[in-house]
Amino acid sequence: MINVRSIKNLKEDDGMTLKNGKRVKFKTGYQVATEGIECKTPEEAMKAIKEYNGNCGVWFSKGIYYIDKSHREPTKTKALRVGRDCQQISILKWADMSLVYC
């Protein structure tokens, strides 16, 4: 399980994907967010992670922690559909960690 220290250790433009509060990586599929919250402190970020039951993406940029409730979709078509329906800018392609714009 991650903790506040894990959040504090994120560098600029660094992030992680969590499933049930543990870091995960997949070889295939796409990660798509359905909603999100911005947090100013690692403690606020941990609270948001708990509210999403540890199923989220976390990234740190310009002093803000972004916490997105997210899940993995096996196909690009389905992931893009979910991303567009949820007004997301992009989805993550696990195979090469690239972004696919919605």
PDB file of N, CA and C in Angstrom:
ATOM      1  N   MET A   1       0.832  -1.191   0.000  1.00  0.00           N
ATOM      2  CA  MET A   1       0.000   0.000   0.000  1.00  0.00           C
ATOM      3  C   MET A   1       0.876   1.253   0.000  1.00  0.00           C
ATOM      4  N   ILE A   2       0.443   2.231  -0.780  1.00  0.00           N
ATOM      5  CA  ILE A   2       1.196   3.475  -0.771  1.00  0.00           C
ATOM      6  C   ILE A   2       0.833   4.277   0.474  1.00  0.00           C
ATOM      7  N   ASN A   3       1.648   5.263   0.770  1.00  0.00           N
ATOM      8  CA  ASN A   3       1.397   6.109   1.927  1.00  0.00           C
ATOM      9  C   ASN A   3       1.770   7.553   1.580  1.00  0.00           C
ATOM     10  N   VAL A   4       1.651   8.449   2.533  1.00  0.00           N
ATOM     11  CA  VAL A   4       1.943   9.860   2.304  1.00  0.00           C
ATOM     12  C   VAL A   4       3.383  10.034   1.819  1.00  0.00           C
ATOM     13  N   ARG A   5       4.301   9.260   2.336  1.00  0.00           N
ATOM     14  CA  ARG A   5       5.699   9.354   1.914  1.00  0.00           C
ATOM     15  C   ARG A   5       5.826   9.068   0.416  1.00  0.00           C
ATOM     16  N   SER A   6       5.083   8.089  -0.079  1.00  0.00           N
ATOM     17  CA  SER A   6       5.105   7.777  -1.516  1.00  0.00           C
ATOM     18  C   SER A   6       4.650   8.978  -2.339  1.00  0.00           C
ATOM     19  N   ILE A   7       3.643   9.675  -1.856  1.00  0.00           N
ATOM     20  CA  ILE A   7       3.127  10.859  -2.546  1.00  0.00           C
ATOM     21  C   ILE A   7       4.162  11.983  -2.489  1.00  0.00           C
ATOM     22  N   LYS A   8       4.747  12.198  -1.330  1.00  0.00           N
ATOM     23  CA  LYS A   8       5.755  13.258  -1.171  1.00  0.00           C
ATOM     24  C   LYS A   8       6.974  13.027  -2.056  1.00  0.00           C
ATOM     25  N   ASN A   9       7.280  11.772  -2.372  1.00  0.00           N
ATOM     26  CA  ASN A   9       8.462  11.444  -3.163  1.00  0.00           C
ATOM     27  C   ASN A   9       8.269  11.628  -4.668  1.00  0.00           C
ATOM     28  N   LEU A  10       7.063  11.960  -5.105  1.00  0.00           N
ATOM     29  CA  LEU A  10       6.847  12.184  -6.535  1.00  0.00           C
ATOM     30  C   LEU A  10       7.621  13.415  -6.984  1.00  0.00           C
ATOM     31  N   LYS A  11       8.315  13.277  -8.083  1.00  0.00           N
ATOM     32  CA  LYS A  11       9.055  14.389  -8.681  1.00  0.00           C
ATOM     33  C   LYS A  11       8.139  15.117  -9.664  1.00  0.00           C
ATOM     34  N   GLU A  12       8.591  16.244 -10.169  1.00  0.00           N
ATOM     35  CA  GLU A  12       7.833  17.010 -11.156  1.00  0.00           C
ATOM     36  C   GLU A  12       7.472  16.127 -12.356  1.00  0.00           C
ATOM     37  N   ASP A  13       6.194  16.138 -12.731  1.00  0.00           N
ATOM     38  CA  ASP A  13       5.648  15.355 -13.849  1.00  0.00           C
ATOM     39  C   ASP A  13       5.812  13.850 -13.663  1.00  0.00           C
ATOM     40  N   ASP A  14       5.869  13.402 -12.422  1.00  0.00           N
ATOM     41  CA  ASP A  14       5.959  11.985 -12.083  1.00  0.00           C
ATOM     42  C   ASP A  14       4.583  11.509 -11.636  1.00  0.00           C
ATOM     43  N   GLY A  15       4.345  10.219 -11.754  1.00  0.00           N
ATOM     44  CA  GLY A  15       3.063   9.696 -11.326  1.00  0.00           C
ATOM     45  C   GLY A  15       3.086   8.202 -11.133  1.00  0.00           C
ATOM     46  N   MET A  16       1.904   7.665 -10.833  1.00  0.00           N
ATOM     47  CA  MET A  16       1.749   6.231 -10.627  1.00  0.00           C
ATOM     48  C   MET A  16       0.287   5.855 -10.821  1.00  0.00           C
ATOM     49  N   THR A  17       0.057   4.604 -11.114  1.00  0.00           N
ATOM     50  CA  THR A  17      -1.295   4.071 -11.214  1.00  0.00           C
ATOM     51  C   THR A  17      -1.487   3.084 -10.075  1.00  0.00           C
ATOM     52  N   LEU A  18      -2.639   3.166  -9.434  1.00  0.00           N
ATOM     53  CA  LEU A  18      -2.928   2.319  -8.276  1.00  0.00           C
ATOM     54  C   LEU A  18      -4.155   1.444  -8.524  1.00  0.00           C
ATOM     55  N   LYS A  19      -4.097   0.245  -8.009  1.00  0.00           N
ATOM     56  CA  LYS A  19      -5.247  -0.659  -7.972  1.00  0.00           C
ATOM     57  C   LYS A  19      -5.309  -1.193  -6.554  1.00  0.00           C
ATOM     58  N   ASN A  20      -6.416  -0.923  -5.892  1.00  0.00           N
ATOM     59  CA  ASN A  20      -6.585  -1.305  -4.487  1.00  0.00           C
ATOM     60  C   ASN A  20      -5.449  -0.765  -3.615  1.00  0.00           C
ATOM     61  N   GLY A  21      -4.968   0.442  -3.956  1.00  0.00           N
ATOM     62  CA  GLY A  21      -3.951   1.103  -3.154  1.00  0.00           C
ATOM     63  C   GLY A  21      -2.522   0.668  -3.406  1.00  0.00           C
ATOM     64  N   LYS A  22      -2.317  -0.227  -4.372  1.00  0.00           N
ATOM     65  CA  LYS A  22      -0.969  -0.703  -4.690  1.00  0.00           C
ATOM     66  C   LYS A  22      -0.602  -0.277  -6.106  1.00  0.00           C
ATOM     67  N   ARG A  23       0.679   0.050  -6.293  1.00  0.00           N
ATOM     68  CA  ARG A  23       1.163   0.421  -7.629  1.00  0.00           C
ATOM     69  C   ARG A  23       0.997  -0.749  -8.584  1.00  0.00           C
ATOM     70  N   VAL A  24       0.537  -0.429  -9.794  1.00  0.00           N
ATOM     71  CA  VAL A  24       0.395  -1.455 -10.820  1.00  0.00           C
ATOM     72  C   VAL A  24       0.947  -0.944 -12.145  1.00  0.00           C
ATOM     73  N   LYS A  25       1.324  -1.892 -12.987  1.00  0.00           N
ATOM     74  CA  LYS A  25       1.706  -1.628 -14.376  1.00  0.00           C
ATOM     75  C   LYS A  25       1.152  -2.782 -15.192  1.00  0.00           C
ATOM     76  N   PHE A  26       0.687  -2.463 -16.383  1.00  0.00           N
ATOM     77  CA  PHE A  26       0.156  -3.478 -17.282  1.00  0.00           C
ATOM     78  C   PHE A  26       0.961  -3.451 -18.575  1.00  0.00           C
ATOM     79  N   LYS A  27       0.976  -4.571 -19.286  1.00  0.00           N
ATOM     80  CA  LYS A  27       1.693  -4.651 -20.557  1.00  0.00           C
ATOM     81  C   LYS A  27       0.804  -4.245 -21.726  1.00  0.00           C
ATOM     82  N   THR A  28      -0.507  -4.388 -21.548  1.00  0.00           N
ATOM     83  CA  THR A  28      -1.436  -4.101 -22.630  1.00  0.00           C
ATOM     84  C   THR A  28      -2.629  -3.308 -22.098  1.00  0.00           C
ATOM     85  N   GLY A  29      -3.436  -2.833 -23.017  1.00  0.00           N
ATOM     86  CA  GLY A  29      -4.644  -2.118 -22.649  1.00  0.00           C
ATOM     87  C   GLY A  29      -4.401  -0.633 -22.467  1.00  0.00           C
ATOM     88  N   TYR A  30      -5.424   0.028 -21.954  1.00  0.00           N
ATOM     89  CA  TYR A  30      -5.428   1.481 -21.829  1.00  0.00           C
ATOM     90  C   TYR A  30      -6.005   1.876 -20.481  1.00  0.00           C
ATOM     91  N   GLN A  31      -5.403   2.843 -19.854  1.00  0.00           N
ATOM     92  CA  GLN A  31      -5.898   3.362 -18.576  1.00  0.00           C
ATOM     93  C   GLN A  31      -6.708   4.611 -18.881  1.00  0.00           C
ATOM     94  N   VAL A  32      -7.914   4.668 -18.350  1.00  0.00           N
ATOM     95  CA  VAL A  32      -8.805   5.792 -18.622  1.00  0.00           C
ATOM     96  C   VAL A  32      -9.412   6.301 -17.321  1.00  0.00           C
ATOM     97  N   ALA A  33      -9.472   7.607 -17.198  1.00  0.00           N
ATOM     98  CA  ALA A  33     -10.037   8.235 -16.001  1.00  0.00           C
ATOM     99  C   ALA A  33     -11.499   8.577 -16.241  1.00  0.00           C
ATOM    100  N   THR A  34     -12.280   8.501 -15.179  1.00  0.00           N
ATOM    101  CA  THR A  34     -13.696   8.853 -15.272  1.00  0.00           C
ATOM    102  C   THR A  34     -14.025  10.132 -14.515  1.00  0.00           C
ATOM    103  N   GLU A  35     -13.176  10.504 -13.574  1.00  0.00           N
ATOM    104  CA  GLU A  35     -13.337  11.750 -12.820  1.00  0.00           C
ATOM    105  C   GLU A  35     -12.036  12.029 -12.091  1.00  0.00           C
ATOM    106  N   GLY A  36     -11.904  13.221 -11.536  1.00  0.00           N
ATOM    107  CA  GLY A  36     -10.662  13.527 -10.844  1.00  0.00           C
ATOM    108  C   GLY A  36     -10.773  14.711  -9.910  1.00  0.00           C
ATOM    109  N   ILE A  37      -9.707  14.893  -9.141  1.00  0.00           N
ATOM    110  CA  ILE A  37      -9.641  15.978  -8.163  1.00  0.00           C
ATOM    111  C   ILE A  37      -8.207  16.502  -8.118  1.00  0.00           C
ATOM    112  N   GLU A  38      -8.062  17.779  -7.830  1.00  0.00           N
ATOM    113  CA  GLU A  38      -6.748  18.386  -7.658  1.00  0.00           C
ATOM    114  C   GLU A  38      -6.520  18.614  -6.171  1.00  0.00           C
ATOM    115  N   CYS A  39      -5.312  18.304  -5.710  1.00  0.00           N
ATOM    116  CA  CYS A  39      -4.976  18.442  -4.295  1.00  0.00           C
ATOM    117  C   CYS A  39      -3.691  19.259  -4.147  1.00  0.00           C
ATOM    118  N   LYS A  40      -3.617  20.022  -3.068  1.00  0.00           N
ATOM    119  CA  LYS A  40      -2.449  20.875  -2.833  1.00  0.00           C
ATOM    120  C   LYS A  40      -1.415  20.250  -1.921  1.00  0.00           C
ATOM    121  N   THR A  41      -1.809  19.249  -1.132  1.00  0.00           N
ATOM    122  CA  THR A  41      -0.861  18.620  -0.207  1.00  0.00           C
ATOM    123  C   THR A  41      -0.887  17.101  -0.373  1.00  0.00           C
ATOM    124  N   PRO A  42       0.193  16.430   0.011  1.00  0.00           N
ATOM    125  CA  PRO A  42       0.197  14.968  -0.033  1.00  0.00           C
ATOM    126  C   PRO A  42      -0.911  14.359   0.838  1.00  0.00           C
ATOM    127  N   GLU A  43      -1.229  15.019   1.941  1.00  0.00           N
ATOM    128  CA  GLU A  43      -2.280  14.507   2.834  1.00  0.00           C
ATOM    129  C   GLU A  43      -3.648  14.566   2.153  1.00  0.00           C
ATOM    130  N   GLU A  44      -3.915  15.667   1.445  1.00  0.00           N
ATOM    131  CA  GLU A  44      -5.167  15.768   0.687  1.00  0.00           C
ATOM    132  C   GLU A  44      -5.214  14.702  -0.406  1.00  0.00           C
ATOM    133  N   ALA A  45      -4.068  14.467  -1.053  1.00  0.00           N
ATOM    134  CA  ALA A  45      -3.985  13.456  -2.103  1.00  0.00           C
ATOM    135  C   ALA A  45      -4.311  12.075  -1.546  1.00  0.00           C
ATOM    136  N   MET A  46      -3.768  11.750  -0.376  1.00  0.00           N
ATOM    137  CA  MET A  46      -4.052  10.446   0.242  1.00  0.00           C
ATOM    138  C   MET A  46      -5.538  10.303   0.559  1.00  0.00           C
ATOM    139  N   LYS A  47      -6.160  11.373   1.021  1.00  0.00           N
ATOM    140  CA  LYS A  47      -7.592  11.338   1.310  1.00  0.00           C
ATOM    141  C   LYS A  47      -8.380  11.030   0.032  1.00  0.00           C
ATOM    142  N   ALA A  48      -8.019  11.677  -1.079  1.00  0.00           N
ATOM    143  CA  ALA A  48      -8.699  11.438  -2.350  1.00  0.00           C
ATOM    144  C   ALA A  48      -8.474   9.999  -2.825  1.00  0.00           C
ATOM    145  N   ILE A  49      -7.261   9.496  -2.667  1.00  0.00           N
ATOM    146  CA  ILE A  49      -6.955   8.113  -3.051  1.00  0.00           C
ATOM    147  C   ILE A  49      -7.848   7.153  -2.267  1.00  0.00           C
ATOM    148  N   LYS A  50      -8.002   7.394  -0.993  1.00  0.00           N
ATOM    149  CA  LYS A  50      -8.866   6.537  -0.161  1.00  0.00           C
ATOM    150  C   LYS A  50     -10.319   6.636  -0.603  1.00  0.00           C
ATOM    151  N   GLU A  51     -10.770   7.847  -0.976  1.00  0.00           N
ATOM    152  CA  GLU A  51     -12.149   8.017  -1.441  1.00  0.00           C
ATOM    153  C   GLU A  51     -12.402   7.242  -2.732  1.00  0.00           C
ATOM    154  N   TYR A  52     -11.359   7.064  -3.546  1.00  0.00           N
ATOM    155  CA  TYR A  52     -11.475   6.276  -4.776  1.00  0.00           C
ATOM    156  C   TYR A  52     -11.126   4.808  -4.534  1.00  0.00           C
ATOM    157  N   ASN A  53     -11.071   4.401  -3.284  1.00  0.00           N
ATOM    158  CA  ASN A  53     -10.750   3.020  -2.897  1.00  0.00           C
ATOM    159  C   ASN A  53      -9.416   2.535  -3.465  1.00  0.00           C
ATOM    160  N   GLY A  54      -8.494   3.483  -3.658  1.00  0.00           N
ATOM    161  CA  GLY A  54      -7.166   3.118  -4.143  1.00  0.00           C
ATOM    162  C   GLY A  54      -7.112   2.757  -5.610  1.00  0.00           C
ATOM    163  N   ASN A  55      -8.187   3.023  -6.356  1.00  0.00           N
ATOM    164  CA  ASN A  55      -8.231   2.719  -7.786  1.00  0.00           C
ATOM    165  C   ASN A  55      -8.156   4.023  -8.568  1.00  0.00           C
ATOM    166  N   CYS A  56      -6.922   4.471  -8.794  1.00  0.00           N
ATOM    167  CA  CYS A  56      -6.757   5.793  -9.390  1.00  0.00           C
ATOM    168  C   CYS A  56      -5.360   5.976  -9.952  1.00  0.00           C
ATOM    169  N   GLY A  57      -5.236   7.057 -10.693  1.00  0.00           N
ATOM    170  CA  GLY A  57      -3.942   7.504 -11.163  1.00  0.00           C
ATOM    171  C   GLY A  57      -3.555   8.731 -10.358  1.00  0.00           C
ATOM    172  N   VAL A  58      -2.272   8.891 -10.112  1.00  0.00           N
ATOM    173  CA  VAL A  58      -1.768  10.018  -9.342  1.00  0.00           C
ATOM    174  C   VAL A  58      -0.624  10.630 -10.127  1.00  0.00           C
ATOM    175  N   TRP A  59      -0.628  11.937 -10.281  1.00  0.00           N
ATOM    176  CA  TRP A  59       0.560  12.582 -10.832  1.00  0.00           C
ATOM    177  C   TRP A  59       0.729  13.945 -10.224  1.00  0.00           C
ATOM    178  N   PHE A  60       1.981  14.413 -10.271  1.00  0.00           N
ATOM    179  CA  PHE A  60       2.364  15.661  -9.630  1.00  0.00           C
ATOM    180  C   PHE A  60       2.922  16.603 -10.681  1.00  0.00           C
ATOM    181  N   SER A  61       2.374  17.811 -10.744  1.00  0.00           N
ATOM    182  CA  SER A  61       2.842  18.791 -11.713  1.00  0.00           C
ATOM    183  C   SER A  61       2.611  20.199 -11.188  1.00  0.00           C
ATOM    184  N   LYS A  62       3.673  20.987 -11.187  1.00  0.00           N
ATOM    185  CA  LYS A  62       3.615  22.401 -10.790  1.00  0.00           C
ATOM    186  C   LYS A  62       2.945  22.608  -9.427  1.00  0.00           C
ATOM    187  N   GLY A  63       3.302  21.761  -8.471  1.00  0.00           N
ATOM    188  CA  GLY A  63       2.810  21.913  -7.110  1.00  0.00           C
ATOM    189  C   GLY A  63       1.428  21.363  -6.847  1.00  0.00           C
ATOM    190  N   ILE A  64       0.817  20.735  -7.843  1.00  0.00           N
ATOM    191  CA  ILE A  64      -0.531  20.175  -7.694  1.00  0.00           C
ATOM    192  C   ILE A  64      -0.464  18.661  -7.852  1.00  0.00           C
ATOM    193  N   TYR A  65      -1.175  17.956  -6.975  1.00  0.00           N
ATOM    194  CA  TYR A  65      -1.333  16.504  -7.084  1.00  0.00           C
ATOM    195  C   TYR A  65      -2.670  16.254  -7.772  1.00  0.00           C
ATOM    196  N   TYR A  66      -2.630  15.561  -8.888  1.00  0.00           N
ATOM    197  CA  TYR A  66      -3.841  15.221  -9.628  1.00  0.00           C
ATOM    198  C   TYR A  66      -4.191  13.767  -9.331  1.00  0.00           C
ATOM    199  N   ILE A  67      -5.400  13.552  -8.846  1.00  0.00           N
ATOM    200  CA  ILE A  67      -5.864  12.210  -8.511  1.00  0.00           C
ATOM    201  C   ILE A  67      -7.064  11.918  -9.404  1.00  0.00           C
ATOM    202  N   ASP A  68      -6.942  10.921 -10.264  1.00  0.00           N
ATOM    203  CA  ASP A  68      -8.018  10.554 -11.180  1.00  0.00           C
ATOM    204  C   ASP A  68      -8.508   9.145 -10.896  1.00  0.00           C
ATOM    205  N   LYS A  69      -9.800   9.023 -10.659  1.00  0.00           N
ATOM    206  CA  LYS A  69     -10.401   7.696 -10.568  1.00  0.00           C
ATOM    207  C   LYS A  69     -10.250   7.069 -11.947  1.00  0.00           C
ATOM    208  N   SER A  70      -9.633   5.913 -12.021  1.00  0.00           N
ATOM    209  CA  SER A  70      -9.356   5.327 -13.327  1.00  0.00           C
ATOM    210  C   SER A  70      -9.439   3.810 -13.293  1.00  0.00           C
ATOM    211  N   HIS A  71      -9.512   3.252 -14.486  1.00  0.00           N
ATOM    212  CA  HIS A  71      -9.512   1.794 -14.625  1.00  0.00           C
ATOM    213  C   HIS A  71      -8.913   1.434 -15.985  1.00  0.00           C
ATOM    214  N   ARG A  72      -8.583   0.174 -16.141  1.00  0.00           N
ATOM    215  CA  ARG A  72      -7.977  -0.324 -17.378  1.00  0.00           C
ATOM    216  C   ARG A  72      -9.068  -0.868 -18.298  1.00  0.00           C
ATOM    217  N   GLU A  73      -8.974  -0.487 -19.548  1.00  0.00           N
ATOM    218  CA  GLU A  73      -9.834  -1.030 -20.598  1.00  0.00           C
ATOM    219  C   GLU A  73      -8.945  -1.814 -21.560  1.00  0.00           C
ATOM    220  N   PRO A  74      -9.401  -2.973 -22.029  1.00  0.00           N
ATOM    221  CA  PRO A  74      -8.548  -3.785 -22.889  1.00  0.00           C
ATOM    222  C   PRO A  74      -8.386  -3.245 -24.313  1.00  0.00           C
ATOM    223  N   THR A  75      -9.374  -2.500 -24.811  1.00  0.00           N
ATOM    224  CA  THR A  75      -9.289  -2.040 -26.202  1.00  0.00           C
ATOM    225  C   THR A  75      -9.252  -0.518 -26.290  1.00  0.00           C
ATOM    226  N   LYS A  76      -8.573  -0.046 -27.324  1.00  0.00           N
ATOM    227  CA  LYS A  76      -8.466   1.386 -27.578  1.00  0.00           C
ATOM    228  C   LYS A  76      -9.847   1.985 -27.852  1.00  0.00           C
ATOM    229  N   THR A  77     -10.662   1.284 -28.605  1.00  0.00           N
ATOM    230  CA  THR A  77     -11.997   1.781 -28.942  1.00  0.00           C
ATOM    231  C   THR A  77     -12.828   2.041 -27.697  1.00  0.00           C
ATOM    232  N   LYS A  78     -12.875   1.071 -26.803  1.00  0.00           N
ATOM    233  CA  LYS A  78     -13.660   1.227 -25.569  1.00  0.00           C
ATOM    234  C   LYS A  78     -13.064   2.309 -24.677  1.00  0.00           C
ATOM    235  N   ALA A  79     -11.740   2.331 -24.552  1.00  0.00           N
ATOM    236  CA  ALA A  79     -11.085   3.331 -23.704  1.00  0.00           C
ATOM    237  C   ALA A  79     -11.357   4.744 -24.223  1.00  0.00           C
ATOM    238  N   LEU A  80     -11.274   4.931 -25.537  1.00  0.00           N
ATOM    239  CA  LEU A  80     -11.554   6.248 -26.109  1.00  0.00           C
ATOM    240  C   LEU A  80     -13.015   6.646 -25.893  1.00  0.00           C
ATOM    241  N   ARG A  81     -13.918   5.700 -26.004  1.00  0.00           N
ATOM    242  CA  ARG A  81     -15.338   5.985 -25.774  1.00  0.00           C
ATOM    243  C   ARG A  81     -15.562   6.456 -24.335  1.00  0.00           C
ATOM    244  N   VAL A  82     -14.981   5.735 -23.377  1.00  0.00           N
ATOM    245  CA  VAL A  82     -15.107   6.124 -21.970  1.00  0.00           C
ATOM    246  C   VAL A  82     -14.457   7.482 -21.738  1.00  0.00           C
ATOM    247  N   GLY A  83     -13.267   7.670 -22.289  1.00  0.00           N
ATOM    248  CA  GLY A  83     -12.548   8.934 -22.131  1.00  0.00           C
ATOM    249  C   GLY A  83     -13.347  10.112 -22.671  1.00  0.00           C
ATOM    250  N   ARG A  84     -13.910   9.955 -23.856  1.00  0.00           N
ATOM    251  CA  ARG A  84     -14.715  11.040 -24.444  1.00  0.00           C
ATOM    252  C   ARG A  84     -15.970  11.295 -23.623  1.00  0.00           C
ATOM    253  N   ASP A  85     -16.644  10.211 -23.211  1.00  0.00           N
ATOM    254  CA  ASP A  85     -17.862  10.359 -22.397  1.00  0.00           C
ATOM    255  C   ASP A  85     -17.575  11.092 -21.085  1.00  0.00           C
ATOM    256  N   CYS A  86     -16.378  10.911 -20.561  1.00  0.00           N
ATOM    257  CA  CYS A  86     -15.992  11.535 -19.282  1.00  0.00           C
ATOM    258  C   CYS A  86     -15.186  12.816 -19.496  1.00  0.00           C
ATOM    259  N   GLN A  87     -15.169  13.315 -20.708  1.00  0.00           N
ATOM    260  CA  GLN A  87     -14.505  14.577 -21.061  1.00  0.00           C
ATOM    261  C   GLN A  87     -13.020  14.602 -20.684  1.00  0.00           C
ATOM    262  N   GLN A  88     -12.347  13.486 -20.947  1.00  0.00           N
ATOM    263  CA  GLN A  88     -10.917  13.404 -20.688  1.00  0.00           C
ATOM    264  C   GLN A  88     -10.140  13.913 -21.900  1.00  0.00           C
ATOM    265  N   ILE A  89      -8.951  14.413 -21.672  1.00  0.00           N
ATOM    266  CA  ILE A  89      -8.089  14.897 -22.748  1.00  0.00           C
ATOM    267  C   ILE A  89      -7.395  13.726 -23.432  1.00  0.00           C
ATOM    268  N   SER A  90      -6.973  12.741 -22.632  1.00  0.00           N
ATOM    269  CA  SER A  90      -6.224  11.620 -23.184  1.00  0.00           C
ATOM    270  C   SER A  90      -6.394  10.382 -22.313  1.00  0.00           C
ATOM    271  N   ILE A  91      -5.934   9.253 -22.875  1.00  0.00           N
ATOM    272  CA  ILE A  91      -5.873   7.982 -22.154  1.00  0.00           C
ATOM    273  C   ILE A  91      -4.424   7.496 -22.234  1.00  0.00           C
ATOM    274  N   LEU A  92      -4.048   6.591 -21.344  1.00  0.00           N
ATOM    275  CA  LEU A  92      -2.687   6.070 -21.317  1.00  0.00           C
ATOM    276  C   LEU A  92      -2.639   4.713 -22.010  1.00  0.00           C
ATOM    277  N   LYS A  93      -1.739   4.571 -22.967  1.00  0.00           N
ATOM    278  CA  LYS A  93      -1.502   3.282 -23.629  1.00  0.00           C
ATOM    279  C   LYS A  93      -0.404   2.568 -22.855  1.00  0.00           C
ATOM    280  N   TRP A  94      -0.759   1.458 -22.224  1.00  0.00           N
ATOM    281  CA  TRP A  94       0.191   0.760 -21.362  1.00  0.00           C
ATOM    282  C   TRP A  94       1.403   0.206 -22.108  1.00  0.00           C
ATOM    283  N   ALA A  95       1.231  -0.252 -23.329  1.00  0.00           N
ATOM    284  CA  ALA A  95       2.323  -0.925 -24.050  1.00  0.00           C
ATOM    285  C   ALA A  95       3.580  -0.070 -24.136  1.00  0.00           C
ATOM    286  N   ASP A  96       3.415   1.245 -24.354  1.00  0.00           N
ATOM    287  CA  ASP A  96       4.590   2.100 -24.466  1.00  0.00           C
ATOM    288  C   ASP A  96       4.499   3.363 -23.598  1.00  0.00           C
ATOM    289  N   MET A  97       3.516   3.382 -22.708  1.00  0.00           N
ATOM    290  CA  MET A  97       3.320   4.500 -21.776  1.00  0.00           C
ATOM    291  C   MET A  97       3.105   5.833 -22.496  1.00  0.00           C
ATOM    292  N   SER A  98       2.506   5.781 -23.674  1.00  0.00           N
ATOM    293  CA  SER A  98       2.223   7.003 -24.419  1.00  0.00           C
ATOM    294  C   SER A  98       0.784   7.461 -24.173  1.00  0.00           C
ATOM    295  N   LEU A  99       0.508   8.699 -24.509  1.00  0.00           N
ATOM    296  CA  LEU A  99      -0.840   9.217 -24.393  1.00  0.00           C
ATOM    297  C   LEU A  99      -1.531   9.153 -25.748  1.00  0.00           C
ATOM    298  N   VAL A 100      -2.812   8.788 -25.721  1.00  0.00           N
ATOM    299  CA  VAL A 100      -3.648   8.777 -26.910  1.00  0.00           C
ATOM    300  C   VAL A 100      -4.712   9.843 -26.644  1.00  0.00           C
ATOM    301  N   TYR A 101      -4.770  10.840 -27.506  1.00  0.00           N
ATOM    302  CA  TYR A 101      -5.697  11.945 -27.282  1.00  0.00           C
ATOM    303  C   TYR A 101      -7.109  11.585 -27.712  1.00  0.00           C
ATOM    304  N   CYS A 102      -8.040  11.946 -26.849  1.00  0.00           N
ATOM    305  CA  CYS A 102      -9.450  11.642 -27.093  1.00  0.00           C
ATOM    306  C   CYS A 102     -10.036  12.598 -28.130  1.00  0.00           C
TER     307      CYS A 102
END
